[in-house]
Amino acid sequence: MALTRDFKETVAVRVQSDPAFAQALLDEAINLFINGEPESAKLILRDLVNATVGFEVLAEEIHKPAKSLHRMLSRSGNPTMSNISAVFAAIKHALKVEVHTTDRGGLIHASHVITSSRGATQSVTRGSAGTTAGSVRWADCPLRIV
C-alpha cells in the first residue's frame, strides 16, 4: 500500500519549507477575498494559520478565543472586518512580508515587498491567474519584516 499524507499536513509542511508557496497561498487568499470569494479565502487562511502561527498563538495575539477563530475561518464563518484584518496581519507578520495592492483592469492584485537579510528589496506581484512578475531565489533570500 502506498504511503499517503493528510492534505492539511502536506500544506503545512510545504508552507514551512517553501516561502514562495506560503506567499502564493497568502496572495490567493487576498485576491479571493477582495475579488468577492470570501468562502474560499477563509479556507486558505485557515490552512495558513495552521501552518504558521497556529490557532492558539493567533488567539492570544488578537485576543479572541481559538474556537471562535476556527468558526470564523470555516466556509460558513462570518468574521468581522477587524477580525479578518487581524488574521491577515498575523500571517503577514509570520511570513515576514508587506502586502501592497494595485488595481489592474478592474481586478485587485496583491504584491509583496520583501527585504533580504542583505538589505536588497524586491517586489513580487501575483495576478489572479497566478503569474509572478519578478524573480526571487528563495534559498538565497531569508525573509524578515520590512
N, C-alpha and C. Protein backbone atom coordinates (compact mmCIF):
# COMPACT_ATOMS: atom_id res chain seq x y z
N MET A 1 0.85 -1.18 0.00
CA MET A 1 0.00 0.00 0.00
C MET A 1 0.90 1.24 0.00
N ALA A 2 0.53 2.22 -0.80
CA ALA A 2 1.30 3.46 -0.90
C ALA A 2 1.12 4.31 0.36
N LEU A 3 2.19 5.00 0.73
CA LEU A 3 2.10 5.90 1.87
C LEU A 3 1.37 7.17 1.45
N THR A 4 0.48 7.64 2.29
CA THR A 4 -0.23 8.87 1.99
C THR A 4 -0.10 9.82 3.17
N ARG A 5 -0.30 11.08 2.90
CA ARG A 5 -0.24 12.09 3.95
C ARG A 5 -1.49 12.94 3.84
N ASP A 6 -2.02 13.35 4.97
CA ASP A 6 -3.18 14.21 5.02
C ASP A 6 -2.89 15.50 4.25
N PHE A 7 -3.87 16.00 3.51
CA PHE A 7 -3.71 17.22 2.71
C PHE A 7 -3.27 18.40 3.56
N LYS A 8 -3.92 18.62 4.70
CA LYS A 8 -3.57 19.75 5.56
C LYS A 8 -2.15 19.63 6.09
N GLU A 9 -1.73 18.43 6.39
CA GLU A 9 -0.35 18.21 6.84
C GLU A 9 0.63 18.52 5.71
N THR A 10 0.29 18.11 4.49
CA THR A 10 1.13 18.38 3.34
C THR A 10 1.27 19.88 3.12
N VAL A 11 0.15 20.60 3.21
CA VAL A 11 0.19 22.06 3.06
C VAL A 11 1.07 22.68 4.15
N ALA A 12 0.91 22.24 5.38
CA ALA A 12 1.68 22.80 6.49
C ALA A 12 3.18 22.58 6.29
N VAL A 13 3.57 21.40 5.89
CA VAL A 13 4.98 21.10 5.65
C VAL A 13 5.52 21.96 4.52
N ARG A 14 4.74 22.08 3.46
CA ARG A 14 5.19 22.87 2.30
C ARG A 14 5.29 24.35 2.65
N VAL A 15 4.34 24.89 3.40
CA VAL A 15 4.39 26.30 3.81
C VAL A 15 5.65 26.56 4.61
N GLN A 16 6.00 25.67 5.50
CA GLN A 16 7.16 25.88 6.35
C GLN A 16 8.48 25.69 5.62
N SER A 17 8.48 24.92 4.54
CA SER A 17 9.73 24.67 3.82
C SER A 17 9.87 25.49 2.55
N ASP A 18 8.79 26.12 2.10
CA ASP A 18 8.82 26.83 0.82
C ASP A 18 8.15 28.20 0.96
N PRO A 19 8.93 29.27 1.23
CA PRO A 19 8.35 30.60 1.40
C PRO A 19 7.55 31.08 0.18
N ALA A 20 7.96 30.68 -1.01
CA ALA A 20 7.22 31.10 -2.22
C ALA A 20 5.82 30.50 -2.22
N PHE A 21 5.69 29.26 -1.77
CA PHE A 21 4.39 28.60 -1.69
C PHE A 21 3.52 29.29 -0.64
N ALA A 22 4.12 29.61 0.51
CA ALA A 22 3.38 30.31 1.56
C ALA A 22 2.87 31.65 1.04
N GLN A 23 3.73 32.38 0.34
CA GLN A 23 3.31 33.65 -0.23
C GLN A 23 2.23 33.49 -1.26
N ALA A 24 2.34 32.45 -2.07
CA ALA A 24 1.31 32.20 -3.09
C ALA A 24 -0.05 31.95 -2.44
N LEU A 25 -0.06 31.22 -1.33
CA LEU A 25 -1.33 31.00 -0.62
C LEU A 25 -1.87 32.30 -0.05
N LEU A 26 -1.00 33.12 0.54
CA LEU A 26 -1.44 34.40 1.06
C LEU A 26 -1.97 35.28 -0.06
N ASP A 27 -1.24 35.34 -1.17
CA ASP A 27 -1.70 36.09 -2.34
C ASP A 27 -3.08 35.65 -2.79
N GLU A 28 -3.24 34.34 -2.87
CA GLU A 28 -4.52 33.79 -3.33
C GLU A 28 -5.65 34.14 -2.36
N ALA A 29 -5.39 34.03 -1.08
CA ALA A 29 -6.41 34.38 -0.08
C ALA A 29 -6.80 35.85 -0.21
N ILE A 30 -5.80 36.71 -0.35
CA ILE A 30 -6.08 38.15 -0.51
C ILE A 30 -6.89 38.40 -1.77
N ASN A 31 -6.42 37.85 -2.88
CA ASN A 31 -7.12 38.07 -4.15
C ASN A 31 -8.54 37.51 -4.13
N LEU A 32 -8.73 36.35 -3.56
CA LEU A 32 -10.08 35.79 -3.46
C LEU A 32 -10.97 36.67 -2.60
N PHE A 33 -10.45 37.09 -1.47
CA PHE A 33 -11.24 37.89 -0.53
C PHE A 33 -11.66 39.22 -1.15
N ILE A 34 -10.73 39.94 -1.73
CA ILE A 34 -11.07 41.27 -2.24
C ILE A 34 -11.75 41.23 -3.59
N ASN A 35 -11.78 40.07 -4.23
CA ASN A 35 -12.49 39.95 -5.51
C ASN A 35 -13.77 39.14 -5.39
N GLY A 36 -14.31 39.03 -4.14
CA GLY A 36 -15.66 38.50 -3.97
C GLY A 36 -15.81 37.03 -3.69
N GLU A 37 -14.76 36.33 -3.28
CA GLU A 37 -14.88 34.91 -2.95
C GLU A 37 -14.38 34.66 -1.52
N PRO A 38 -15.06 35.23 -0.52
CA PRO A 38 -14.57 35.12 0.85
C PRO A 38 -14.59 33.70 1.41
N GLU A 39 -15.50 32.85 0.94
CA GLU A 39 -15.56 31.49 1.49
C GLU A 39 -14.27 30.73 1.21
N SER A 40 -13.80 30.81 -0.03
CA SER A 40 -12.54 30.14 -0.39
C SER A 40 -11.36 30.80 0.30
N ALA A 41 -11.38 32.12 0.40
CA ALA A 41 -10.29 32.85 1.05
C ALA A 41 -10.15 32.41 2.51
N LYS A 42 -11.27 32.24 3.20
CA LYS A 42 -11.23 31.84 4.61
C LYS A 42 -10.62 30.46 4.77
N LEU A 43 -10.90 29.55 3.86
CA LEU A 43 -10.34 28.21 3.96
C LEU A 43 -8.83 28.22 3.74
N ILE A 44 -8.36 29.04 2.83
CA ILE A 44 -6.92 29.17 2.61
C ILE A 44 -6.26 29.82 3.83
N LEU A 45 -6.91 30.84 4.38
CA LEU A 45 -6.38 31.47 5.60
C LEU A 45 -6.29 30.47 6.74
N ARG A 46 -7.28 29.62 6.85
CA ARG A 46 -7.28 28.59 7.90
C ARG A 46 -6.06 27.69 7.76
N ASP A 47 -5.76 27.26 6.52
CA ASP A 47 -4.57 26.44 6.28
C ASP A 47 -3.29 27.20 6.62
N LEU A 48 -3.25 28.49 6.26
CA LEU A 48 -2.07 29.30 6.57
C LEU A 48 -1.88 29.48 8.07
N VAL A 49 -2.97 29.70 8.79
CA VAL A 49 -2.87 29.84 10.25
C VAL A 49 -2.33 28.55 10.84
N ASN A 50 -2.89 27.42 10.42
CA ASN A 50 -2.42 26.12 10.92
C ASN A 50 -0.94 25.90 10.63
N ALA A 51 -0.48 26.34 9.46
CA ALA A 51 0.90 26.09 9.04
C ALA A 51 1.89 27.12 9.58
N THR A 52 1.41 28.26 10.06
CA THR A 52 2.34 29.30 10.50
C THR A 52 2.22 29.52 12.01
N VAL A 53 1.34 30.39 12.43
CA VAL A 53 1.26 30.75 13.85
C VAL A 53 0.48 29.76 14.69
N GLY A 54 -0.47 29.06 14.11
CA GLY A 54 -1.33 28.16 14.87
C GLY A 54 -2.47 28.93 15.52
N PHE A 55 -3.58 28.25 15.76
CA PHE A 55 -4.77 28.92 16.28
C PHE A 55 -4.61 29.39 17.72
N GLU A 56 -3.87 28.65 18.53
CA GLU A 56 -3.70 29.06 19.93
C GLU A 56 -2.90 30.35 20.04
N VAL A 57 -1.80 30.44 19.30
CA VAL A 57 -0.97 31.66 19.31
C VAL A 57 -1.73 32.81 18.69
N LEU A 58 -2.43 32.56 17.58
CA LEU A 58 -3.23 33.60 16.95
C LEU A 58 -4.29 34.13 17.91
N ALA A 59 -4.92 33.23 18.64
CA ALA A 59 -5.95 33.62 19.62
C ALA A 59 -5.38 34.58 20.65
N GLU A 60 -4.18 34.28 21.14
CA GLU A 60 -3.54 35.17 22.11
C GLU A 60 -3.17 36.51 21.47
N GLU A 61 -2.66 36.44 20.24
CA GLU A 61 -2.22 37.65 19.53
C GLU A 61 -3.36 38.63 19.30
N ILE A 62 -4.52 38.12 18.89
CA ILE A 62 -5.61 39.04 18.54
C ILE A 62 -6.72 39.06 19.58
N HIS A 63 -6.48 38.40 20.71
CA HIS A 63 -7.40 38.43 21.85
C HIS A 63 -8.80 37.91 21.51
N LYS A 64 -8.82 36.76 20.83
CA LYS A 64 -10.07 36.07 20.50
C LYS A 64 -9.90 34.60 20.86
N PRO A 65 -10.95 33.93 21.29
CA PRO A 65 -10.84 32.50 21.60
C PRO A 65 -10.51 31.69 20.33
N ALA A 66 -9.66 30.68 20.49
CA ALA A 66 -9.26 29.85 19.35
C ALA A 66 -10.47 29.21 18.69
N LYS A 67 -11.44 28.78 19.49
CA LYS A 67 -12.64 28.16 18.94
C LYS A 67 -13.40 29.14 18.03
N SER A 68 -13.46 30.40 18.44
CA SER A 68 -14.12 31.42 17.61
C SER A 68 -13.36 31.63 16.30
N LEU A 69 -12.04 31.59 16.37
CA LEU A 69 -11.23 31.75 15.16
C LEU A 69 -11.46 30.59 14.20
N HIS A 70 -11.55 29.38 14.74
CA HIS A 70 -11.86 28.22 13.90
C HIS A 70 -13.19 28.42 13.18
N ARG A 71 -14.19 28.89 13.92
CA ARG A 71 -15.51 29.13 13.31
C ARG A 71 -15.44 30.24 12.26
N MET A 72 -14.74 31.33 12.60
CA MET A 72 -14.62 32.46 11.66
C MET A 72 -14.04 32.02 10.32
N LEU A 73 -13.05 31.13 10.38
CA LEU A 73 -12.34 30.74 9.17
C LEU A 73 -12.88 29.46 8.54
N SER A 74 -14.09 29.09 8.92
CA SER A 74 -14.76 27.97 8.25
C SER A 74 -15.53 28.53 7.05
N ARG A 75 -15.97 27.67 6.18
CA ARG A 75 -16.69 28.12 4.97
C ARG A 75 -17.91 28.97 5.35
N SER A 76 -18.61 28.60 6.42
CA SER A 76 -19.81 29.33 6.81
C SER A 76 -19.53 30.41 7.86
N GLY A 77 -18.26 30.59 8.23
CA GLY A 77 -17.90 31.61 9.22
C GLY A 77 -18.23 33.01 8.73
N ASN A 78 -18.41 33.92 9.68
CA ASN A 78 -18.76 35.29 9.33
C ASN A 78 -17.91 36.27 10.15
N PRO A 79 -16.60 36.33 9.84
CA PRO A 79 -15.73 37.21 10.61
C PRO A 79 -16.01 38.68 10.31
N THR A 80 -15.78 39.52 11.31
CA THR A 80 -15.88 40.96 11.07
C THR A 80 -14.64 41.40 10.30
N MET A 81 -14.70 42.59 9.73
CA MET A 81 -13.55 43.12 9.02
C MET A 81 -12.36 43.27 9.95
N SER A 82 -12.60 43.68 11.19
CA SER A 82 -11.47 43.84 12.11
C SER A 82 -10.84 42.48 12.44
N ASN A 83 -11.64 41.44 12.55
CA ASN A 83 -11.09 40.11 12.81
C ASN A 83 -10.31 39.57 11.62
N ILE A 84 -10.86 39.71 10.43
CA ILE A 84 -10.17 39.20 9.25
C ILE A 84 -8.89 39.99 9.01
N SER A 85 -8.93 41.29 9.29
CA SER A 85 -7.75 42.13 9.17
C SER A 85 -6.67 41.68 10.14
N ALA A 86 -7.05 41.35 11.36
CA ALA A 86 -6.10 40.88 12.36
C ALA A 86 -5.47 39.54 11.95
N VAL A 87 -6.25 38.67 11.33
CA VAL A 87 -5.73 37.39 10.86
C VAL A 87 -4.71 37.63 9.75
N PHE A 88 -5.06 38.48 8.77
CA PHE A 88 -4.12 38.80 7.70
C PHE A 88 -2.83 39.40 8.27
N ALA A 89 -2.96 40.30 9.23
CA ALA A 89 -1.78 40.94 9.83
C ALA A 89 -0.89 39.91 10.52
N ALA A 90 -1.48 38.96 11.23
CA ALA A 90 -0.70 37.93 11.91
C ALA A 90 0.04 37.04 10.91
N ILE A 91 -0.63 36.71 9.82
CA ILE A 91 0.01 35.86 8.80
C ILE A 91 1.12 36.63 8.09
N LYS A 92 0.86 37.89 7.76
CA LYS A 92 1.91 38.72 7.15
C LYS A 92 3.13 38.77 8.06
N HIS A 93 2.89 38.96 9.35
CA HIS A 93 3.98 39.03 10.32
C HIS A 93 4.73 37.69 10.36
N ALA A 94 4.01 36.59 10.37
CA ALA A 94 4.64 35.27 10.41
C ALA A 94 5.46 35.00 9.16
N LEU A 95 4.97 35.46 8.00
CA LEU A 95 5.70 35.25 6.74
C LEU A 95 6.73 36.34 6.48
N LYS A 96 6.70 37.40 7.31
CA LYS A 96 7.65 38.50 7.22
C LYS A 96 7.61 39.21 5.87
N VAL A 97 6.41 39.59 5.49
CA VAL A 97 6.21 40.32 4.23
C VAL A 97 5.28 41.51 4.45
N GLU A 98 5.39 42.49 3.57
CA GLU A 98 4.42 43.57 3.49
C GLU A 98 3.58 43.32 2.26
N VAL A 99 2.31 43.62 2.32
CA VAL A 99 1.43 43.41 1.18
C VAL A 99 0.94 44.76 0.68
N HIS A 100 1.05 44.95 -0.62
CA HIS A 100 0.54 46.15 -1.28
C HIS A 100 -0.41 45.68 -2.37
N THR A 101 -1.48 46.40 -2.59
CA THR A 101 -2.42 46.01 -3.64
C THR A 101 -2.47 47.06 -4.71
N THR A 102 -2.77 46.61 -5.93
CA THR A 102 -2.93 47.51 -7.06
C THR A 102 -4.16 47.06 -7.84
N ASP A 103 -4.79 48.00 -8.52
CA ASP A 103 -5.95 47.71 -9.35
C ASP A 103 -5.47 47.62 -10.79
N ARG A 104 -5.61 46.46 -11.38
CA ARG A 104 -5.20 46.26 -12.77
C ARG A 104 -6.37 45.71 -13.56
N GLY A 105 -6.92 46.52 -14.40
CA GLY A 105 -8.02 46.06 -15.24
C GLY A 105 -9.25 45.66 -14.47
N GLY A 106 -9.52 46.34 -13.36
CA GLY A 106 -10.72 46.05 -12.59
C GLY A 106 -10.55 44.96 -11.54
N LEU A 107 -9.43 44.24 -11.55
CA LEU A 107 -9.16 43.23 -10.54
C LEU A 107 -8.05 43.72 -9.62
N ILE A 108 -8.17 43.41 -8.38
CA ILE A 108 -7.15 43.79 -7.40
C ILE A 108 -6.10 42.69 -7.35
N HIS A 109 -4.85 43.07 -7.33
CA HIS A 109 -3.74 42.12 -7.26
C HIS A 109 -2.91 42.43 -6.03
N ALA A 110 -2.43 41.39 -5.39
CA ALA A 110 -1.57 41.57 -4.22
C ALA A 110 -0.12 41.48 -4.65
N SER A 111 0.72 42.30 -4.04
CA SER A 111 2.16 42.18 -4.26
C SER A 111 2.83 42.30 -2.92
N HIS A 112 3.99 41.71 -2.81
CA HIS A 112 4.74 41.71 -1.56
C HIS A 112 6.04 42.46 -1.76
N VAL A 113 6.44 43.20 -0.76
CA VAL A 113 7.76 43.80 -0.76
C VAL A 113 8.57 43.00 0.24
N ILE A 114 9.66 42.47 -0.23
CA ILE A 114 10.48 41.57 0.57
C ILE A 114 11.86 42.19 0.72
N THR A 115 12.40 42.13 1.91
CA THR A 115 13.77 42.58 2.13
C THR A 115 14.60 41.39 2.57
N SER A 116 15.69 41.16 1.86
CA SER A 116 16.56 40.06 2.24
C SER A 116 17.43 40.49 3.40
N SER A 117 18.10 39.54 4.03
CA SER A 117 18.98 39.86 5.15
C SER A 117 20.17 40.68 4.69
N ARG A 118 20.41 40.71 3.38
CA ARG A 118 21.49 41.53 2.83
C ARG A 118 21.04 42.95 2.52
N GLY A 119 19.77 43.26 2.78
CA GLY A 119 19.27 44.61 2.57
C GLY A 119 18.67 44.87 1.20
N ALA A 120 18.74 43.92 0.28
CA ALA A 120 18.16 44.12 -1.05
C ALA A 120 16.65 44.01 -0.97
N THR A 121 15.95 44.88 -1.68
CA THR A 121 14.49 44.86 -1.68
C THR A 121 14.01 44.37 -3.04
N GLN A 122 13.00 43.54 -3.03
CA GLN A 122 12.43 43.01 -4.26
C GLN A 122 10.92 43.02 -4.14
N SER A 123 10.26 43.37 -5.22
CA SER A 123 8.81 43.35 -5.25
C SER A 123 8.36 42.15 -6.06
N VAL A 124 7.43 41.40 -5.53
CA VAL A 124 6.89 40.21 -6.20
C VAL A 124 5.40 40.42 -6.35
N THR A 125 4.90 40.30 -7.57
CA THR A 125 3.49 40.52 -7.83
C THR A 125 2.87 39.27 -8.41
N ARG A 126 1.72 38.88 -7.87
CA ARG A 126 0.96 37.77 -8.42
C ARG A 126 -0.39 38.30 -8.86
N GLY A 127 -0.76 37.98 -10.07
CA GLY A 127 -2.08 38.34 -10.55
C GLY A 127 -3.06 37.22 -10.28
N SER A 128 -4.30 37.43 -10.68
CA SER A 128 -5.32 36.42 -10.40
C SER A 128 -5.08 35.12 -11.15
N ALA A 129 -4.30 35.18 -12.23
CA ALA A 129 -4.01 33.96 -12.96
C ALA A 129 -2.83 33.21 -12.35
N GLY A 130 -2.23 33.77 -11.29
CA GLY A 130 -1.15 33.08 -10.62
C GLY A 130 0.22 33.35 -11.20
N THR A 131 0.33 34.31 -12.11
CA THR A 131 1.63 34.60 -12.69
C THR A 131 2.44 35.47 -11.75
N THR A 132 3.73 35.35 -11.84
CA THR A 132 4.61 36.12 -10.98
C THR A 132 5.52 36.99 -11.81
N ALA A 133 5.57 38.27 -11.49
CA ALA A 133 6.50 39.18 -12.13
C ALA A 133 7.60 39.45 -11.13
N GLY A 134 8.83 39.31 -11.55
CA GLY A 134 9.93 39.45 -10.61
C GLY A 134 10.40 38.06 -10.26
N SER A 135 11.64 37.93 -9.85
CA SER A 135 12.10 36.60 -9.51
C SER A 135 12.88 36.66 -8.22
N VAL A 136 12.64 35.70 -7.40
CA VAL A 136 13.30 35.63 -6.11
C VAL A 136 13.88 34.23 -5.99
N ARG A 137 15.14 34.14 -5.66
CA ARG A 137 15.73 32.85 -5.35
C ARG A 137 15.59 32.67 -3.86
N TRP A 138 14.56 31.93 -3.45
CA TRP A 138 14.17 31.88 -2.04
C TRP A 138 15.25 31.30 -1.14
N ALA A 139 16.05 30.39 -1.65
CA ALA A 139 17.11 29.82 -0.82
C ALA A 139 18.13 30.89 -0.43
N ASP A 140 18.26 31.92 -1.28
CA ASP A 140 19.23 32.99 -1.01
C ASP A 140 18.59 34.20 -0.35
N CYS A 141 17.31 34.12 0.01
CA CYS A 141 16.60 35.30 0.48
C CYS A 141 15.88 35.02 1.80
N PRO A 142 16.62 34.94 2.91
CA PRO A 142 15.92 34.80 4.18
C PRO A 142 15.03 36.01 4.41
N LEU A 143 13.81 35.78 4.82
CA LEU A 143 12.86 36.88 4.95
C LEU A 143 12.91 37.51 6.32
N ARG A 144 12.63 38.80 6.39
CA ARG A 144 12.45 39.50 7.65
C ARG A 144 11.44 40.62 7.42
N ILE A 145 10.88 41.13 8.47
CA ILE A 145 9.90 42.19 8.35
C ILE A 145 10.58 43.44 7.84
N VAL A 146 9.94 44.06 6.86
CA VAL A 146 10.49 45.28 6.28
C VAL A 146 10.12 46.46 7.15
